[in-house]
Amino acid sequence: GAELGLLIKGPEALESTGNVDTIVLDKTGTVTSGQMQVTDVYPARGWDKDEVWGLAGGVEKQSEHPIAQAIAAGTQPAEATDFVAEPGIGASAR
């Protein structure tokens, strides 16, 4: 499922999918297009929207996670080094 962009949270949810024979989905953009995308960025006071998105994109462009790819896709990513992905926690870089 991950190769197709499906996110399943937690091992319990994954285990329970073994007996599924029907899936009902509401009509949302991620289901319709199959691609996540950032629609807006709301920086903290004193931060520039494009700068925040670029910094986040610099970290996330090094990740394979679908949400990270959506963040990196919409910006000119800043250069980042020392990337570390921590499963279940997130990613960090300098």
N, C-alpha and C. Protein backbone atom coordinates (compact mmCIF):
# COMPACT_ATOMS: atom_id res chain seq x y z
N GLY A 1 0.79 -1.20 0.00
CA GLY A 1 0.00 0.00 0.00
C GLY A 1 0.84 1.27 0.00
N ALA A 2 1.96 1.26 0.71
CA ALA A 2 2.81 2.45 0.78
C ALA A 2 3.33 2.83 -0.59
N GLU A 3 3.63 1.84 -1.43
CA GLU A 3 4.10 2.12 -2.79
C GLU A 3 3.04 2.82 -3.62
N LEU A 4 1.78 2.66 -3.23
CA LEU A 4 0.67 3.29 -3.95
C LEU A 4 0.20 4.57 -3.27
N GLY A 5 0.92 5.01 -2.23
CA GLY A 5 0.57 6.25 -1.54
C GLY A 5 -0.44 6.09 -0.43
N LEU A 6 -0.69 4.86 0.03
CA LEU A 6 -1.62 4.64 1.12
C LEU A 6 -0.89 4.72 2.45
N LEU A 7 -1.48 5.41 3.41
CA LEU A 7 -0.90 5.51 4.73
C LEU A 7 -1.78 4.74 5.70
N ILE A 8 -1.18 3.84 6.46
CA ILE A 8 -1.89 3.09 7.48
C ILE A 8 -1.17 3.35 8.78
N LYS A 9 -1.90 3.88 9.76
CA LYS A 9 -1.28 4.27 11.02
C LYS A 9 -1.32 3.13 12.02
N GLY A 10 -0.17 2.64 12.36
CA GLY A 10 -0.04 1.66 13.42
C GLY A 10 -0.20 0.22 12.99
N PRO A 11 0.46 -0.68 13.71
CA PRO A 11 0.41 -2.10 13.37
C PRO A 11 -0.98 -2.70 13.55
N GLU A 12 -1.75 -2.22 14.54
CA GLU A 12 -3.09 -2.76 14.76
C GLU A 12 -3.98 -2.50 13.55
N ALA A 13 -3.89 -1.29 13.00
CA ALA A 13 -4.69 -0.96 11.82
C ALA A 13 -4.26 -1.81 10.63
N LEU A 14 -2.97 -2.02 10.48
CA LEU A 14 -2.46 -2.84 9.38
C LEU A 14 -2.93 -4.29 9.52
N GLU A 15 -2.84 -4.84 10.72
CA GLU A 15 -3.28 -6.22 10.94
C GLU A 15 -4.76 -6.40 10.66
N SER A 16 -5.56 -5.40 11.00
CA SER A 16 -7.01 -5.53 10.82
C SER A 16 -7.42 -5.46 9.35
N THR A 17 -6.53 -5.06 8.46
CA THR A 17 -6.88 -4.98 7.04
C THR A 17 -6.86 -6.35 6.36
N GLY A 18 -6.36 -7.37 7.03
CA GLY A 18 -6.26 -8.70 6.44
C GLY A 18 -7.59 -9.32 6.06
N ASN A 19 -8.67 -8.94 6.73
CA ASN A 19 -9.98 -9.52 6.46
C ASN A 19 -10.91 -8.56 5.71
N VAL A 20 -10.39 -7.44 5.23
CA VAL A 20 -11.21 -6.45 4.55
C VAL A 20 -11.58 -6.95 3.15
N ASP A 21 -12.88 -6.85 2.81
CA ASP A 21 -13.30 -7.20 1.45
C ASP A 21 -13.99 -6.03 0.76
N THR A 22 -14.27 -4.94 1.50
CA THR A 22 -14.91 -3.76 0.93
C THR A 22 -14.34 -2.51 1.59
N ILE A 23 -14.06 -1.49 0.79
CA ILE A 23 -13.60 -0.21 1.33
C ILE A 23 -14.53 0.88 0.80
N VAL A 24 -15.02 1.72 1.71
CA VAL A 24 -15.88 2.85 1.34
C VAL A 24 -15.11 4.12 1.67
N LEU A 25 -14.95 5.00 0.69
CA LEU A 25 -14.20 6.24 0.87
C LEU A 25 -15.07 7.44 0.57
N ASP A 26 -14.82 8.53 1.30
CA ASP A 26 -15.49 9.78 0.93
C ASP A 26 -14.69 10.41 -0.20
N LYS A 27 -15.26 11.39 -0.86
CA LYS A 27 -14.62 12.00 -2.02
C LYS A 27 -13.76 13.18 -1.55
N THR A 28 -12.46 12.93 -1.43
CA THR A 28 -11.53 13.99 -1.04
C THR A 28 -10.46 14.12 -2.12
N GLY A 29 -9.73 15.21 -2.07
CA GLY A 29 -8.69 15.45 -3.07
C GLY A 29 -7.63 14.37 -3.11
N THR A 30 -7.23 13.85 -1.94
CA THR A 30 -6.18 12.84 -1.95
C THR A 30 -6.66 11.53 -2.58
N VAL A 31 -7.95 11.23 -2.42
CA VAL A 31 -8.49 10.02 -3.03
C VAL A 31 -8.66 10.24 -4.53
N THR A 32 -9.15 11.40 -4.90
CA THR A 32 -9.41 11.69 -6.31
C THR A 32 -8.13 11.79 -7.13
N SER A 33 -7.15 12.55 -6.64
CA SER A 33 -5.94 12.77 -7.42
C SER A 33 -4.85 11.74 -7.12
N GLY A 34 -4.89 11.16 -5.94
CA GLY A 34 -3.85 10.22 -5.55
C GLY A 34 -2.54 10.89 -5.17
N GLN A 35 -2.50 12.21 -5.15
CA GLN A 35 -1.29 12.96 -4.80
C GLN A 35 -1.60 13.95 -3.70
N MET A 36 -0.83 13.90 -2.62
CA MET A 36 -0.98 14.90 -1.56
C MET A 36 -0.34 16.19 -2.03
N GLN A 37 -0.87 17.31 -1.55
CA GLN A 37 -0.26 18.59 -1.87
C GLN A 37 -0.49 19.57 -0.74
N VAL A 38 0.44 20.48 -0.59
CA VAL A 38 0.31 21.54 0.40
C VAL A 38 -0.57 22.62 -0.23
N THR A 39 -1.59 23.04 0.49
CA THR A 39 -2.49 24.07 -0.04
C THR A 39 -2.20 25.45 0.54
N ASP A 40 -1.56 25.50 1.71
CA ASP A 40 -1.19 26.79 2.28
C ASP A 40 -0.21 26.58 3.42
N VAL A 41 0.52 27.61 3.75
CA VAL A 41 1.51 27.60 4.83
C VAL A 41 1.19 28.77 5.74
N TYR A 42 1.12 28.51 7.04
CA TYR A 42 0.82 29.55 8.02
C TYR A 42 1.98 29.66 9.00
N PRO A 43 2.97 30.52 8.70
CA PRO A 43 4.14 30.63 9.57
C PRO A 43 3.82 31.39 10.85
N ALA A 44 4.66 31.16 11.85
CA ALA A 44 4.56 31.92 13.09
C ALA A 44 4.90 33.38 12.81
N ARG A 45 4.42 34.25 13.65
CA ARG A 45 4.67 35.68 13.50
C ARG A 45 6.16 35.95 13.38
N GLY A 46 6.53 36.77 12.42
CA GLY A 46 7.93 37.12 12.21
C GLY A 46 8.65 36.24 11.20
N TRP A 47 7.99 35.19 10.72
CA TRP A 47 8.59 34.30 9.73
C TRP A 47 7.94 34.50 8.38
N ASP A 48 8.73 34.43 7.33
CA ASP A 48 8.24 34.56 5.97
C ASP A 48 7.71 33.20 5.48
N LYS A 49 6.54 33.23 4.87
CA LYS A 49 5.89 32.01 4.39
C LYS A 49 6.79 31.19 3.45
N ASP A 50 7.37 31.84 2.45
CA ASP A 50 8.22 31.12 1.49
C ASP A 50 9.49 30.59 2.15
N GLU A 51 10.03 31.34 3.11
CA GLU A 51 11.24 30.89 3.80
C GLU A 51 10.96 29.64 4.63
N VAL A 52 9.84 29.65 5.36
CA VAL A 52 9.48 28.49 6.17
C VAL A 52 9.26 27.27 5.29
N TRP A 53 8.54 27.44 4.19
CA TRP A 53 8.27 26.33 3.29
C TRP A 53 9.57 25.81 2.66
N GLY A 54 10.47 26.73 2.31
CA GLY A 54 11.75 26.33 1.74
C GLY A 54 12.61 25.55 2.72
N LEU A 55 12.61 25.98 3.98
CA LEU A 55 13.37 25.26 5.01
C LEU A 55 12.78 23.87 5.23
N ALA A 56 11.47 23.79 5.33
CA ALA A 56 10.82 22.49 5.49
C ALA A 56 11.08 21.61 4.26
N GLY A 57 11.01 22.20 3.08
CA GLY A 57 11.27 21.46 1.86
C GLY A 57 12.69 20.92 1.78
N GLY A 58 13.65 21.67 2.34
CA GLY A 58 15.03 21.22 2.35
C GLY A 58 15.23 19.95 3.16
N VAL A 59 14.48 19.84 4.25
CA VAL A 59 14.53 18.63 5.06
C VAL A 59 13.77 17.51 4.36
N GLU A 60 12.56 17.80 3.94
CA GLU A 60 11.66 16.77 3.44
C GLU A 60 12.03 16.22 2.06
N LYS A 61 12.80 16.97 1.27
CA LYS A 61 13.15 16.46 -0.06
C LYS A 61 14.02 15.21 0.03
N GLN A 62 14.62 14.98 1.20
CA GLN A 62 15.47 13.82 1.39
C GLN A 62 14.70 12.60 1.91
N SER A 63 13.42 12.78 2.18
CA SER A 63 12.60 11.71 2.73
C SER A 63 11.77 11.04 1.64
N GLU A 64 11.43 9.78 1.85
CA GLU A 64 10.58 9.04 0.91
C GLU A 64 9.11 9.07 1.32
N HIS A 65 8.80 9.66 2.46
CA HIS A 65 7.43 9.68 2.97
C HIS A 65 6.54 10.52 2.06
N PRO A 66 5.31 10.08 1.77
CA PRO A 66 4.42 10.82 0.86
C PRO A 66 4.11 12.25 1.31
N ILE A 67 3.96 12.46 2.60
CA ILE A 67 3.70 13.82 3.09
C ILE A 67 4.95 14.69 2.90
N ALA A 68 6.11 14.13 3.14
CA ALA A 68 7.37 14.86 2.93
C ALA A 68 7.51 15.25 1.47
N GLN A 69 7.18 14.35 0.58
CA GLN A 69 7.28 14.64 -0.86
C GLN A 69 6.34 15.78 -1.24
N ALA A 70 5.15 15.83 -0.64
CA ALA A 70 4.21 16.91 -0.93
C ALA A 70 4.76 18.25 -0.44
N ILE A 71 5.41 18.25 0.70
CA ILE A 71 5.99 19.49 1.23
C ILE A 71 7.12 19.97 0.33
N ALA A 72 7.99 19.06 -0.08
CA ALA A 72 9.14 19.43 -0.91
C ALA A 72 8.74 19.82 -2.32
N ALA A 73 7.66 19.26 -2.84
CA ALA A 73 7.28 19.48 -4.23
C ALA A 73 6.86 20.92 -4.54
N GLY A 74 6.33 21.62 -3.58
CA GLY A 74 5.77 22.94 -3.87
C GLY A 74 6.70 24.11 -3.65
N THR A 75 7.98 23.88 -3.44
CA THR A 75 8.87 24.98 -3.09
C THR A 75 10.25 24.81 -3.70
N GLN A 76 11.06 25.84 -3.56
CA GLN A 76 12.48 25.75 -3.87
C GLN A 76 13.15 25.36 -2.56
N PRO A 77 13.48 24.08 -2.39
CA PRO A 77 14.01 23.63 -1.10
C PRO A 77 15.36 24.25 -0.76
N ALA A 78 15.54 24.61 0.51
CA ALA A 78 16.82 25.08 1.00
C ALA A 78 17.79 23.90 1.04
N GLU A 79 19.08 24.18 1.03
CA GLU A 79 20.07 23.13 1.16
C GLU A 79 20.06 22.64 2.60
N ALA A 80 20.06 21.33 2.78
CA ALA A 80 20.05 20.75 4.12
C ALA A 80 21.07 19.62 4.20
N THR A 81 21.71 19.51 5.35
CA THR A 81 22.68 18.44 5.58
C THR A 81 22.29 17.69 6.84
N ASP A 82 22.97 16.61 7.10
CA ASP A 82 22.76 15.82 8.32
C ASP A 82 21.32 15.34 8.47
N PHE A 83 20.71 14.91 7.38
CA PHE A 83 19.33 14.43 7.40
C PHE A 83 19.24 13.14 8.22
N VAL A 84 18.23 13.08 9.09
CA VAL A 84 17.96 11.88 9.87
C VAL A 84 16.45 11.66 9.88
N ALA A 85 16.01 10.47 9.47
CA ALA A 85 14.60 10.09 9.55
C ALA A 85 14.43 9.18 10.75
N GLU A 86 13.47 9.52 11.62
CA GLU A 86 13.19 8.72 12.80
C GLU A 86 11.78 8.18 12.67
N PRO A 87 11.63 6.89 12.33
CA PRO A 87 10.30 6.30 12.11
C PRO A 87 9.36 6.56 13.29
N GLY A 88 8.19 7.05 12.95
CA GLY A 88 7.19 7.34 13.96
C GLY A 88 7.37 8.67 14.64
N ILE A 89 8.46 9.37 14.36
CA ILE A 89 8.73 10.65 15.00
C ILE A 89 8.80 11.78 13.97
N GLY A 90 9.57 11.60 12.93
CA GLY A 90 9.72 12.63 11.91
C GLY A 90 11.13 12.66 11.36
N ALA A 91 11.48 13.80 10.82
CA ALA A 91 12.80 13.95 10.21
C ALA A 91 13.42 15.25 10.72
N SER A 92 14.76 15.27 10.64
CA SER A 92 15.46 16.50 11.02
C SER A 92 16.68 16.64 10.11
N ALA A 93 17.16 17.88 10.02
CA ALA A 93 18.35 18.18 9.23
C ALA A 93 18.86 19.54 9.66
N ARG A 94 20.04 19.87 9.16
CA ARG A 94 20.62 21.22 9.41
C ARG A 94 20.55 22.00 8.11
